Amino acid sequence: MHNLNHIIKFAIDMTLVGLISKNDKSAYREEVQRLTAWCKANSLSLNVDKTKEMVVDFRRAQSDHSQLFIDGSPVEIVKSTKFLGVHLEENFTWSHSTPPPSPRKPSNASISCGG
């Protein structure tokens, strides 16, 4: 490749799911660091501005989740996100995903498609 040319690659829609047990976030944080390093090693740009973190905490006494940083930039913590076309919420309610009930159609209704 000519030294004036640059190839820019983007990693699109990667998802990392981590389990934090006994309040030990080290394995999760290390996995984020490994993912960041993998992107760099494979010439992929990780857009931290578009990176989101959603925390699902099933404990009765929930505590604040410390901010995640990637390359010195903070990652936004969100309460809901879209994953494979499904809106997920931190408390696993489905209000974004479930459409409101619609009135029942009459039994003699028909649908025709034409061109």
PDB file of N, CA and C in Angstrom:
ATOM      1  N   MET A   1       0.849  -1.182   0.000  1.00  0.00           N
ATOM      2  CA  MET A   1       0.000   0.000   0.000  1.00  0.00           C
ATOM      3  C   MET A   1       0.890   1.239   0.000  1.00  0.00           C
ATOM      4  N   HIS A   2       0.493   2.213  -0.752  1.00  0.00           N
ATOM      5  CA  HIS A   2       1.212   3.477  -0.837  1.00  0.00           C
ATOM      6  C   HIS A   2       1.133   4.185   0.509  1.00  0.00           C
ATOM      7  N   ASN A   3       2.215   4.852   0.921  1.00  0.00           N
ATOM      8  CA  ASN A   3       2.242   5.459   2.251  1.00  0.00           C
ATOM      9  C   ASN A   3       1.320   6.667   2.400  1.00  0.00           C
ATOM     10  N   LEU A   4       0.749   7.174   1.317  1.00  0.00           N
ATOM     11  CA  LEU A   4      -0.210   8.273   1.412  1.00  0.00           C
ATOM     12  C   LEU A   4      -1.652   7.776   1.514  1.00  0.00           C
ATOM     13  N   ASN A   5      -1.846   6.485   1.343  1.00  0.00           N
ATOM     14  CA  ASN A   5      -3.179   5.899   1.428  1.00  0.00           C
ATOM     15  C   ASN A   5      -3.382   5.264   2.791  1.00  0.00           C
ATOM     16  N   HIS A   6      -4.599   5.288   3.251  1.00  0.00           N
ATOM     17  CA  HIS A   6      -4.940   4.684   4.537  1.00  0.00           C
ATOM     18  C   HIS A   6      -6.196   3.847   4.370  1.00  0.00           C
ATOM     19  N   ILE A   7      -6.201   2.695   4.956  1.00  0.00           N
ATOM     20  CA  ILE A   7      -7.401   1.861   4.974  1.00  0.00           C
ATOM     21  C   ILE A   7      -8.037   2.013   6.344  1.00  0.00           C
ATOM     22  N   ILE A   8      -9.298   2.369   6.360  1.00  0.00           N
ATOM     23  CA  ILE A   8     -10.023   2.524   7.620  1.00  0.00           C
ATOM     24  C   ILE A   8     -11.106   1.463   7.663  1.00  0.00           C
ATOM     25  N   LYS A   9     -11.097   0.655   8.692  1.00  0.00           N
ATOM     26  CA  LYS A   9     -12.094  -0.397   8.865  1.00  0.00           C
ATOM     27  C   LYS A   9     -12.912  -0.080  10.109  1.00  0.00           C
ATOM     28  N   PHE A  10     -14.161  -0.474  10.091  1.00  0.00           N
ATOM     29  CA  PHE A  10     -15.035  -0.255  11.237  1.00  0.00           C
ATOM     30  C   PHE A  10     -15.628  -1.569  11.701  1.00  0.00           C
ATOM     31  N   ALA A  11     -15.656  -1.763  13.001  1.00  0.00           N
ATOM     32  CA  ALA A  11     -16.351  -2.912  13.586  1.00  0.00           C
ATOM     33  C   ALA A  11     -17.785  -2.471  13.818  1.00  0.00           C
ATOM     34  N   ILE A  12     -18.714  -3.203  13.267  1.00  0.00           N
ATOM     35  CA  ILE A  12     -20.117  -2.803  13.356  1.00  0.00           C
ATOM     36  C   ILE A  12     -20.870  -3.773  14.256  1.00  0.00           C
ATOM     37  N   ASP A  13     -21.592  -3.220  15.216  1.00  0.00           N
ATOM     38  CA  ASP A  13     -22.502  -3.979  16.067  1.00  0.00           C
ATOM     39  C   ASP A  13     -21.858  -5.158  16.782  1.00  0.00           C
ATOM     40  N   MET A  14     -20.811  -4.892  17.502  1.00  0.00           N
ATOM     41  CA  MET A  14     -20.247  -5.921  18.369  1.00  0.00           C
ATOM     42  C   MET A  14     -20.917  -5.803  19.734  1.00  0.00           C
ATOM     43  N   THR A  15     -21.134  -6.925  20.361  1.00  0.00           N
ATOM     44  CA  THR A  15     -21.773  -6.939  21.672  1.00  0.00           C
ATOM     45  C   THR A  15     -20.923  -7.776  22.611  1.00  0.00           C
ATOM     46  N   LEU A  16     -20.686  -7.225  23.785  1.00  0.00           N
ATOM     47  CA  LEU A  16     -19.962  -7.942  24.833  1.00  0.00           C
ATOM     48  C   LEU A  16     -20.910  -8.078  26.012  1.00  0.00           C
ATOM     49  N   VAL A  17     -21.133  -9.301  26.442  1.00  0.00           N
ATOM     50  CA  VAL A  17     -21.992  -9.566  27.597  1.00  0.00           C
ATOM     51  C   VAL A  17     -21.096 -10.123  28.690  1.00  0.00           C
ATOM     52  N   GLY A  18     -21.154  -9.502  29.866  1.00  0.00           N
ATOM     53  CA  GLY A  18     -20.313  -9.951  30.967  1.00  0.00           C
ATOM     54  C   GLY A  18     -21.137 -10.177  32.214  1.00  0.00           C
ATOM     55  N   LEU A  19     -20.737 -11.136  33.003  1.00  0.00           N
ATOM     56  CA  LEU A  19     -21.383 -11.419  34.282  1.00  0.00           C
ATOM     57  C   LEU A  19     -20.460 -10.934  35.387  1.00  0.00           C
ATOM     58  N   ILE A  20     -20.981 -10.043  36.204  1.00  0.00           N
ATOM     59  CA  ILE A  20     -20.219  -9.533  37.341  1.00  0.00           C
ATOM     60  C   ILE A  20     -20.732 -10.263  38.574  1.00  0.00           C
ATOM     61  N   SER A  21     -19.855 -11.028  39.190  1.00  0.00           N
ATOM     62  CA  SER A  21     -20.236 -11.837  40.352  1.00  0.00           C
ATOM     63  C   SER A  21     -19.474 -11.354  41.580  1.00  0.00           C
ATOM     64  N   LYS A  22     -20.166 -11.303  42.698  1.00  0.00           N
ATOM     65  CA  LYS A  22     -19.567 -10.876  43.972  1.00  0.00           C
ATOM     66  C   LYS A  22     -18.927  -9.497  43.859  1.00  0.00           C
ATOM     67  N   ASN A  23     -19.549  -8.652  43.062  1.00  0.00           N
ATOM     68  CA  ASN A  23     -19.127  -7.257  42.865  1.00  0.00           C
ATOM     69  C   ASN A  23     -17.710  -7.129  42.302  1.00  0.00           C
ATOM     70  N   ASP A  24     -17.205  -8.189  41.667  1.00  0.00           N
ATOM     71  CA  ASP A  24     -15.867  -8.179  41.070  1.00  0.00           C
ATOM     72  C   ASP A  24     -16.002  -7.891  39.576  1.00  0.00           C
ATOM     73  N   LYS A  25     -15.686  -6.674  39.192  1.00  0.00           N
ATOM     74  CA  LYS A  25     -15.831  -6.245  37.799  1.00  0.00           C
ATOM     75  C   LYS A  25     -14.557  -6.458  36.988  1.00  0.00           C
ATOM     76  N   SER A  26     -13.522  -7.021  37.598  1.00  0.00           N
ATOM     77  CA  SER A  26     -12.218  -7.092  36.932  1.00  0.00           C
ATOM     78  C   SER A  26     -12.253  -7.935  35.655  1.00  0.00           C
ATOM     79  N   ALA A  27     -12.927  -9.081  35.668  1.00  0.00           N
ATOM     80  CA  ALA A  27     -12.973  -9.937  34.467  1.00  0.00           C
ATOM     81  C   ALA A  27     -13.687  -9.215  33.322  1.00  0.00           C
ATOM     82  N   TYR A  28     -14.762  -8.509  33.640  1.00  0.00           N
ATOM     83  CA  TYR A  28     -15.510  -7.753  32.628  1.00  0.00           C
ATOM     84  C   TYR A  28     -14.642  -6.629  32.054  1.00  0.00           C
ATOM     85  N   ARG A  29     -13.990  -5.876  32.934  1.00  0.00           N
ATOM     86  CA  ARG A  29     -13.150  -4.757  32.491  1.00  0.00           C
ATOM     87  C   ARG A  29     -11.970  -5.264  31.653  1.00  0.00           C
ATOM     88  N   GLU A  30     -11.391  -6.393  32.047  1.00  0.00           N
ATOM     89  CA  GLU A  30     -10.290  -6.961  31.275  1.00  0.00           C
ATOM     90  C   GLU A  30     -10.765  -7.400  29.886  1.00  0.00           C
ATOM     91  N   GLU A  31     -11.987  -7.931  29.812  1.00  0.00           N
ATOM     92  CA  GLU A  31     -12.529  -8.342  28.508  1.00  0.00           C
ATOM     93  C   GLU A  31     -12.738  -7.135  27.608  1.00  0.00           C
ATOM     94  N   VAL A  32     -13.178  -6.022  28.170  1.00  0.00           N
ATOM     95  CA  VAL A  32     -13.319  -4.787  27.385  1.00  0.00           C
ATOM     96  C   VAL A  32     -11.954  -4.353  26.871  1.00  0.00           C
ATOM     97  N   GLN A  33     -10.931  -4.438  27.708  1.00  0.00           N
ATOM     98  CA  GLN A  33      -9.578  -4.073  27.275  1.00  0.00           C
ATOM     99  C   GLN A  33      -9.084  -5.001  26.173  1.00  0.00           C
ATOM    100  N   ARG A  34      -9.380  -6.309  26.307  1.00  0.00           N
ATOM    101  CA  ARG A  34      -8.966  -7.266  25.258  1.00  0.00           C
ATOM    102  C   ARG A  34      -9.690  -6.969  23.939  1.00  0.00           C
ATOM    103  N   LEU A  35     -10.968  -6.639  24.007  1.00  0.00           N
ATOM    104  CA  LEU A  35     -11.731  -6.310  22.808  1.00  0.00           C
ATOM    105  C   LEU A  35     -11.166  -5.054  22.143  1.00  0.00           C
ATOM    106  N   THR A  36     -10.834  -4.062  22.945  1.00  0.00           N
ATOM    107  CA  THR A  36     -10.249  -2.826  22.421  1.00  0.00           C
ATOM    108  C   THR A  36      -8.912  -3.116  21.747  1.00  0.00           C
ATOM    109  N   ALA A  37      -8.091  -3.927  22.388  1.00  0.00           N
ATOM    110  CA  ALA A  37      -6.787  -4.293  21.817  1.00  0.00           C
ATOM    111  C   ALA A  37      -6.960  -5.097  20.535  1.00  0.00           C
ATOM    112  N   TRP A  38      -7.955  -5.995  20.502  1.00  0.00           N
ATOM    113  CA  TRP A  38      -8.214  -6.801  19.307  1.00  0.00           C
ATOM    114  C   TRP A  38      -8.605  -5.904  18.136  1.00  0.00           C
ATOM    115  N   CYS A  39      -9.451  -4.908  18.403  1.00  0.00           N
ATOM    116  CA  CYS A  39      -9.849  -3.975  17.339  1.00  0.00           C
ATOM    117  C   CYS A  39      -8.628  -3.255  16.773  1.00  0.00           C
ATOM    118  N   LYS A  40      -7.763  -2.779  17.662  1.00  0.00           N
ATOM    119  CA  LYS A  40      -6.555  -2.082  17.206  1.00  0.00           C
ATOM    120  C   LYS A  40      -5.652  -3.022  16.410  1.00  0.00           C
ATOM    121  N   ALA A  41      -5.460  -4.242  16.896  1.00  0.00           N
ATOM    122  CA  ALA A  41      -4.586  -5.207  16.223  1.00  0.00           C
ATOM    123  C   ALA A  41      -5.115  -5.591  14.847  1.00  0.00           C
ATOM    124  N   ASN A  42      -6.414  -5.484  14.653  1.00  0.00           N
ATOM    125  CA  ASN A  42      -7.035  -5.844  13.377  1.00  0.00           C
ATOM    126  C   ASN A  42      -7.441  -4.620  12.560  1.00  0.00           C
ATOM    127  N   SER A  43      -6.834  -3.482  12.888  1.00  0.00           N
ATOM    128  CA  SER A  43      -7.057  -2.218  12.164  1.00  0.00           C
ATOM    129  C   SER A  43      -8.527  -1.827  12.112  1.00  0.00           C
ATOM    130  N   LEU A  44      -9.248  -2.051  13.204  1.00  0.00           N
ATOM    131  CA  LEU A  44     -10.653  -1.661  13.297  1.00  0.00           C
ATOM    132  C   LEU A  44     -10.787  -0.459  14.217  1.00  0.00           C
ATOM    133  N   SER A  45     -11.665   0.467  13.851  1.00  0.00           N
ATOM    134  CA  SER A  45     -11.916   1.642  14.675  1.00  0.00           C
ATOM    135  C   SER A  45     -13.101   1.368  15.582  1.00  0.00           C
ATOM    136  N   LEU A  46     -12.903   1.552  16.865  1.00  0.00           N
ATOM    137  CA  LEU A  46     -13.986   1.396  17.835  1.00  0.00           C
ATOM    138  C   LEU A  46     -14.467   2.790  18.195  1.00  0.00           C
ATOM    139  N   ASN A  47     -15.680   3.126  17.786  1.00  0.00           N
ATOM    140  CA  ASN A  47     -16.231   4.458  18.028  1.00  0.00           C
ATOM    141  C   ASN A  47     -16.818   4.506  19.440  1.00  0.00           C
ATOM    142  N   VAL A  48     -16.068   5.071  20.371  1.00  0.00           N
ATOM    143  CA  VAL A  48     -16.495   5.120  21.771  1.00  0.00           C
ATOM    144  C   VAL A  48     -17.753   5.978  21.922  1.00  0.00           C
ATOM    145  N   ASP A  49     -17.921   6.985  21.061  1.00  0.00           N
ATOM    146  CA  ASP A  49     -19.118   7.832  21.138  1.00  0.00           C
ATOM    147  C   ASP A  49     -20.396   7.044  20.848  1.00  0.00           C
ATOM    148  N   LYS A  50     -20.292   5.984  20.052  1.00  0.00           N
ATOM    149  CA  LYS A  50     -21.460   5.160  19.741  1.00  0.00           C
ATOM    150  C   LYS A  50     -21.542   3.914  20.623  1.00  0.00           C
ATOM    151  N   THR A  51     -20.538   3.711  21.464  1.00  0.00           N
ATOM    152  CA  THR A  51     -20.513   2.554  22.353  1.00  0.00           C
ATOM    153  C   THR A  51     -21.371   2.848  23.570  1.00  0.00           C
ATOM    154  N   LYS A  52     -22.212   1.906  23.931  1.00  0.00           N
ATOM    155  CA  LYS A  52     -23.116   2.069  25.074  1.00  0.00           C
ATOM    156  C   LYS A  52     -22.953   0.886  26.013  1.00  0.00           C
ATOM    157  N   GLU A  53     -23.212   1.127  27.277  1.00  0.00           N
ATOM    158  CA  GLU A  53     -23.167   0.070  28.274  1.00  0.00           C
ATOM    159  C   GLU A  53     -24.512   0.046  28.997  1.00  0.00           C
ATOM    160  N   MET A  54     -25.092  -1.138  29.097  1.00  0.00           N
ATOM    161  CA  MET A  54     -26.332  -1.304  29.848  1.00  0.00           C
ATOM    162  C   MET A  54     -26.067  -2.298  30.977  1.00  0.00           C
ATOM    163  N   VAL A  55     -26.425  -1.899  32.176  1.00  0.00           N
ATOM    164  CA  VAL A  55     -26.194  -2.727  33.353  1.00  0.00           C
ATOM    165  C   VAL A  55     -27.520  -3.317  33.798  1.00  0.00           C
ATOM    166  N   VAL A  56     -27.567  -4.644  33.902  1.00  0.00           N
ATOM    167  CA  VAL A  56     -28.739  -5.339  34.418  1.00  0.00           C
ATOM    168  C   VAL A  56     -28.336  -5.888  35.782  1.00  0.00           C
ATOM    169  N   ASP A  57     -28.978  -5.403  36.825  1.00  0.00           N
ATOM    170  CA  ASP A  57     -28.599  -5.766  38.192  1.00  0.00           C
ATOM    171  C   ASP A  57     -29.804  -6.385  38.885  1.00  0.00           C
ATOM    172  N   PHE A  58     -29.706  -7.683  39.196  1.00  0.00           N
ATOM    173  CA  PHE A  58     -30.811  -8.407  39.815  1.00  0.00           C
ATOM    174  C   PHE A  58     -30.760  -8.378  41.339  1.00  0.00           C
ATOM    175  N   ARG A  59     -29.751  -7.756  41.900  1.00  0.00           N
ATOM    176  CA  ARG A  59     -29.641  -7.728  43.359  1.00  0.00           C
ATOM    177  C   ARG A  59     -30.724  -6.851  43.970  1.00  0.00           C
ATOM    178  N   ARG A  60     -31.127  -7.186  45.179  1.00  0.00           N
ATOM    179  CA  ARG A  60     -32.117  -6.353  45.888  1.00  0.00           C
ATOM    180  C   ARG A  60     -31.527  -4.999  46.232  1.00  0.00           C
ATOM    181  N   ALA A  61     -30.322  -5.012  46.778  1.00  0.00           N
ATOM    182  CA  ALA A  61     -29.637  -3.766  47.129  1.00  0.00           C
ATOM    183  C   ALA A  61     -28.672  -3.422  46.001  1.00  0.00           C
ATOM    184  N   GLN A  62     -29.142  -2.642  45.059  1.00  0.00           N
ATOM    185  CA  GLN A  62     -28.320  -2.287  43.909  1.00  0.00           C
ATOM    186  C   GLN A  62     -27.389  -1.135  44.271  1.00  0.00           C
ATOM    187  N   SER A  63     -26.204  -1.170  43.716  1.00  0.00           N
ATOM    188  CA  SER A  63     -25.246  -0.096  43.944  1.00  0.00           C
ATOM    189  C   SER A  63     -24.930   0.577  42.618  1.00  0.00           C
ATOM    190  N   ASP A  64     -24.301   1.734  42.705  1.00  0.00           N
ATOM    191  CA  ASP A  64     -23.924   2.450  41.490  1.00  0.00           C
ATOM    192  C   ASP A  64     -22.856   1.670  40.738  1.00  0.00           C
ATOM    193  N   HIS A  65     -22.940   1.739  39.459  1.00  0.00           N
ATOM    194  CA  HIS A  65     -21.979   1.062  38.584  1.00  0.00           C
ATOM    195  C   HIS A  65     -20.935   2.091  38.176  1.00  0.00           C
ATOM    196  N   SER A  66     -19.668   1.795  38.391  1.00  0.00           N
ATOM    197  CA  SER A  66     -18.610   2.748  38.058  1.00  0.00           C
ATOM    198  C   SER A  66     -18.493   2.907  36.543  1.00  0.00           C
ATOM    199  N   GLN A  67     -18.144   4.121  36.157  1.00  0.00           N
ATOM    200  CA  GLN A  67     -18.029   4.487  34.741  1.00  0.00           C
ATOM    201  C   GLN A  67     -16.983   3.634  34.034  1.00  0.00           C
ATOM    202  N   LEU A  68     -17.299   3.162  32.841  1.00  0.00           N
ATOM    203  CA  LEU A  68     -16.366   2.422  31.994  1.00  0.00           C
ATOM    204  C   LEU A  68     -15.684   3.416  31.055  1.00  0.00           C
ATOM    205  N   PHE A  69     -14.382   3.269  30.892  1.00  0.00           N
ATOM    206  CA  PHE A  69     -13.621   4.117  29.977  1.00  0.00           C
ATOM    207  C   PHE A  69     -12.934   3.239  28.944  1.00  0.00           C
ATOM    208  N   ILE A  70     -12.937   3.702  27.703  1.00  0.00           N
ATOM    209  CA  ILE A  70     -12.197   3.045  26.629  1.00  0.00           C
ATOM    210  C   ILE A  70     -11.257   4.086  26.048  1.00  0.00           C
ATOM    211  N   ASP A  71      -9.975   3.795  26.111  1.00  0.00           N
ATOM    212  CA  ASP A  71      -8.943   4.727  25.640  1.00  0.00           C
ATOM    213  C   ASP A  71      -9.125   6.124  26.238  1.00  0.00           C
ATOM    214  N   GLY A  72      -9.479   6.173  27.514  1.00  0.00           N
ATOM    215  CA  GLY A  72      -9.615   7.441  28.218  1.00  0.00           C
ATOM    216  C   GLY A  72     -10.942   8.148  28.010  1.00  0.00           C
ATOM    217  N   SER A  73     -11.810   7.610  27.151  1.00  0.00           N
ATOM    218  CA  SER A  73     -13.113   8.232  26.894  1.00  0.00           C
ATOM    219  C   SER A  73     -14.205   7.475  27.645  1.00  0.00           C
ATOM    220  N   PRO A  74     -15.125   8.210  28.292  1.00  0.00           N
ATOM    221  CA  PRO A  74     -16.193   7.533  29.039  1.00  0.00           C
ATOM    222  C   PRO A  74     -17.212   6.886  28.114  1.00  0.00           C
ATOM    223  N   VAL A  75     -17.728   5.726  28.528  1.00  0.00           N
ATOM    224  CA  VAL A  75     -18.771   5.022  27.791  1.00  0.00           C
ATOM    225  C   VAL A  75     -20.095   5.357  28.459  1.00  0.00           C
ATOM    226  N   GLU A  76     -21.069   5.763  27.660  1.00  0.00           N
ATOM    227  CA  GLU A  76     -22.380   6.142  28.185  1.00  0.00           C
ATOM    228  C   GLU A  76     -23.117   4.922  28.729  1.00  0.00           C
ATOM    229  N   ILE A  77     -23.670   5.059  29.938  1.00  0.00           N
ATOM    230  CA  ILE A  77     -24.514   4.011  30.514  1.00  0.00           C
ATOM    231  C   ILE A  77     -25.957   4.330  30.137  1.00  0.00           C
ATOM    232  N   VAL A  78     -26.640   3.357  29.523  1.00  0.00           N
ATOM    233  CA  VAL A  78     -28.013   3.560  29.075  1.00  0.00           C
ATOM    234  C   VAL A  78     -28.953   2.625  29.826  1.00  0.00           C
ATOM    235  N   LYS A  79     -30.225   2.996  29.887  1.00  0.00           N
ATOM    236  CA  LYS A  79     -31.237   2.176  30.556  1.00  0.00           C
ATOM    237  C   LYS A  79     -31.907   1.205  29.600  1.00  0.00           C
ATOM    238  N   SER A  80     -31.751   1.453  28.289  1.00  0.00           N
ATOM    239  CA  SER A  80     -32.311   0.536  27.294  1.00  0.00           C
ATOM    240  C   SER A  80     -31.441   0.591  26.050  1.00  0.00           C
ATOM    241  N   THR A  81     -31.505  -0.490  25.267  1.00  0.00           N
ATOM    242  CA  THR A  81     -30.740  -0.561  24.026  1.00  0.00           C
ATOM    243  C   THR A  81     -31.453  -1.493  23.058  1.00  0.00           C
ATOM    244  N   LYS A  82     -31.121  -1.380  21.811  1.00  0.00           N
ATOM    245  CA  LYS A  82     -31.702  -2.258  20.799  1.00  0.00           C
ATOM    246  C   LYS A  82     -30.664  -3.305  20.436  1.00  0.00           C
ATOM    247  N   PHE A  83     -31.029  -4.575  20.533  1.00  0.00           N
ATOM    248  CA  PHE A  83     -30.125  -5.679  20.243  1.00  0.00           C
ATOM    249  C   PHE A  83     -30.849  -6.661  19.344  1.00  0.00           C
ATOM    250  N   LEU A  84     -30.334  -6.866  18.143  1.00  0.00           N
ATOM    251  CA  LEU A  84     -30.936  -7.761  17.150  1.00  0.00           C
ATOM    252  C   LEU A  84     -32.414  -7.436  16.920  1.00  0.00           C
ATOM    253  N   GLY A  85     -32.713  -6.143  16.867  1.00  0.00           N
ATOM    254  CA  GLY A  85     -34.064  -5.700  16.589  1.00  0.00           C
ATOM    255  C   GLY A  85     -35.004  -5.692  17.782  1.00  0.00           C
ATOM    256  N   VAL A  86     -34.513  -6.062  18.950  1.00  0.00           N
ATOM    257  CA  VAL A  86     -35.341  -6.112  20.152  1.00  0.00           C
ATOM    258  C   VAL A  86     -34.849  -5.049  21.122  1.00  0.00           C
ATOM    259  N   HIS A  87     -35.774  -4.258  21.647  1.00  0.00           N
ATOM    260  CA  HIS A  87     -35.413  -3.264  22.653  1.00  0.00           C
ATOM    261  C   HIS A  87     -35.312  -3.952  24.003  1.00  0.00           C
ATOM    262  N   LEU A  88     -34.134  -3.897  24.606  1.00  0.00           N
ATOM    263  CA  LEU A  88     -33.914  -4.464  25.931  1.00  0.00           C
ATOM    264  C   LEU A  88     -33.823  -3.334  26.942  1.00  0.00           C
ATOM    265  N   GLU A  89     -34.405  -3.539  28.112  1.00  0.00           N
ATOM    266  CA  GLU A  89     -34.337  -2.549  29.170  1.00  0.00           C
ATOM    267  C   GLU A  89     -33.646  -3.148  30.374  1.00  0.00           C
ATOM    268  N   GLU A  90     -33.035  -2.276  31.173  1.00  0.00           N
ATOM    269  CA  GLU A  90     -32.221  -2.741  32.289  1.00  0.00           C
ATOM    270  C   GLU A  90     -33.002  -3.567  33.305  1.00  0.00           C
ATOM    271  N   ASN A  91     -34.309  -3.388  33.388  1.00  0.00           N
ATOM    272  CA  ASN A  91     -35.121  -4.179  34.323  1.00  0.00           C
ATOM    273  C   ASN A  91     -35.931  -5.254  33.603  1.00  0.00           C
ATOM    274  N   PHE A  92     -35.621  -5.482  32.346  1.00  0.00           N
ATOM    275  CA  PHE A  92     -36.258  -6.489  31.489  1.00  0.00           C
ATOM    276  C   PHE A  92     -37.763  -6.315  31.332  1.00  0.00           C
ATOM    277  N   THR A  93     -38.235  -5.075  31.350  1.00  0.00           N
ATOM    278  CA  THR A  93     -39.601  -4.827  30.905  1.00  0.00           C
ATOM    279  C   THR A  93     -39.521  -4.630  29.398  1.00  0.00           C
ATOM    280  N   TRP A  94     -40.618  -4.832  28.723  1.00  0.00           N
ATOM    281  CA  TRP A  94     -40.601  -4.841  27.264  1.00  0.00           C
ATOM    282  C   TRP A  94     -41.443  -3.724  26.661  1.00  0.00           C
ATOM    283  N   SER A  95     -41.589  -2.606  27.353  1.00  0.00           N
ATOM    284  CA  SER A  95     -42.487  -1.566  26.881  1.00  0.00           C
ATOM    285  C   SER A  95     -42.073  -0.988  25.532  1.00  0.00           C
ATOM    286  N   HIS A  96     -40.784  -0.903  25.242  1.00  0.00           N
ATOM    287  CA  HIS A  96     -40.362  -0.393  23.934  1.00  0.00           C
ATOM    288  C   HIS A  96     -40.629  -1.410  22.828  1.00  0.00           C
ATOM    289  N   SER A  97     -40.573  -2.686  23.171  1.00  0.00           N
ATOM    290  CA  SER A  97     -40.687  -3.733  22.161  1.00  0.00           C
ATOM    291  C   SER A  97     -42.118  -4.133  21.869  1.00  0.00           C
ATOM    292  N   THR A  98     -42.981  -3.991  22.857  1.00  0.00           N
ATOM    293  CA  THR A  98     -44.340  -4.492  22.725  1.00  0.00           C
ATOM    294  C   THR A  98     -45.260  -3.385  22.239  1.00  0.00           C
ATOM    295  N   PRO A  99     -45.863  -3.563  21.078  1.00  0.00           N
ATOM    296  CA  PRO A  99     -46.783  -2.536  20.596  1.00  0.00           C
ATOM    297  C   PRO A  99     -48.058  -2.544  21.428  1.00  0.00           C
ATOM    298  N   PRO A 100     -48.741  -1.408  21.505  1.00  0.00           N
ATOM    299  CA  PRO A 100     -49.994  -1.383  22.260  1.00  0.00           C
ATOM    300  C   PRO A 100     -51.030  -2.295  21.612  1.00  0.00           C
ATOM    301  N   PRO A 101     -51.936  -2.860  22.398  1.00  0.00           N
ATOM    302  CA  PRO A 101     -52.951  -3.738  21.806  1.00  0.00           C
ATOM    303  C   PRO A 101     -53.805  -2.969  20.813  1.00  0.00           C
ATOM    304  N   SER A 102     -54.126  -3.622  19.712  1.00  0.00           N
ATOM    305  CA  SER A 102     -54.955  -2.967  18.705  1.00  0.00           C
ATOM    306  C   SER A 102     -56.368  -3.536  18.782  1.00  0.00           C
ATOM    307  N   PRO A 103     -57.333  -2.742  18.355  1.00  0.00           N
ATOM    308  CA  PRO A 103     -58.706  -3.243  18.372  1.00  0.00           C
ATOM    309  C   PRO A 103     -58.829  -4.465  17.475  1.00  0.00           C
ATOM    310  N   ARG A 104     -59.681  -5.382  17.873  1.00  0.00           N
ATOM    311  CA  ARG A 104     -59.868  -6.612  17.103  1.00  0.00           C
ATOM    312  C   ARG A 104     -60.539  -6.297  15.771  1.00  0.00           C
ATOM    313  N   LYS A 105     -60.042  -6.910  14.706  1.00  0.00           N
ATOM    314  CA  LYS A 105     -60.610  -6.681  13.376  1.00  0.00           C
ATOM    315  C   LYS A 105     -61.872  -7.507  13.229  1.00  0.00           C
ATOM    316  N   PRO A 106     -62.832  -6.965  12.503  1.00  0.00           N
ATOM    317  CA  PRO A 106     -64.045  -7.751  12.258  1.00  0.00           C
ATOM    318  C   PRO A 106     -63.724  -9.033  11.495  1.00  0.00           C
ATOM    319  N   SER A 107     -64.491 -10.070  11.737  1.00  0.00           N
ATOM    320  CA  SER A 107     -64.211 -11.380  11.135  1.00  0.00           C
ATOM    321  C   SER A 107     -64.400 -11.368   9.628  1.00  0.00           C
ATOM    322  N   ASN A 108     -65.111 -10.397   9.085  1.00  0.00           N
ATOM    323  CA  ASN A 108     -65.328 -10.374   7.642  1.00  0.00           C
ATOM    324  C   ASN A 108     -64.333  -9.446   6.933  1.00  0.00           C
ATOM    325  N   ALA A 109     -63.308  -8.990   7.640  1.00  0.00           N
ATOM    326  CA  ALA A 109     -62.325  -8.121   7.031  1.00  0.00           C
ATOM    327  C   ALA A 109     -61.456  -8.906   6.052  1.00  0.00           C
ATOM    328  N   SER A 110     -61.088  -8.286   4.966  1.00  0.00           N
ATOM    329  CA  SER A 110     -60.200  -8.933   4.011  1.00  0.00           C
ATOM    330  C   SER A 110     -59.099  -7.970   3.613  1.00  0.00           C
ATOM    331  N   ILE A 111     -58.004  -8.530   3.245  1.00  0.00           N
ATOM    332  CA  ILE A 111     -56.877  -7.717   2.806  1.00  0.00           C
ATOM    333  C   ILE A 111     -56.545  -8.153   1.388  1.00  0.00           C
ATOM    334  N   SER A 112     -56.426  -7.191   0.489  1.00  0.00           N
ATOM    335  CA  SER A 112     -56.044  -7.535  -0.874  1.00  0.00           C
ATOM    336  C   SER A 112     -54.820  -6.729  -1.246  1.00  0.00           C
ATOM    337  N   CYS A 113     -53.937  -7.379  -1.937  1.00  0.00           N
ATOM    338  CA  CYS A 113     -52.728  -6.703  -2.415  1.00  0.00           C
ATOM    339  C   CYS A 113     -52.768  -6.703  -3.926  1.00  0.00           C
ATOM    340  N   GLY A 114     -52.493  -5.601  -4.492  1.00  0.00           N
ATOM    341  CA  GLY A 114     -52.502  -5.515  -5.957  1.00  0.00           C
ATOM    342  C   GLY A 114     -51.399  -4.615  -6.446  1.00  0.00           C
ATOM    343  N   GLY A 115     -51.128  -4.699  -7.692  1.00  0.00           N
ATOM    344  CA  GLY A 115     -50.047  -3.897  -8.242  1.00  0.00           C
ATOM    345  C   GLY A 115     -50.516  -2.962  -9.292  1.00  0.00           C
TER     346      GLY A 115
END
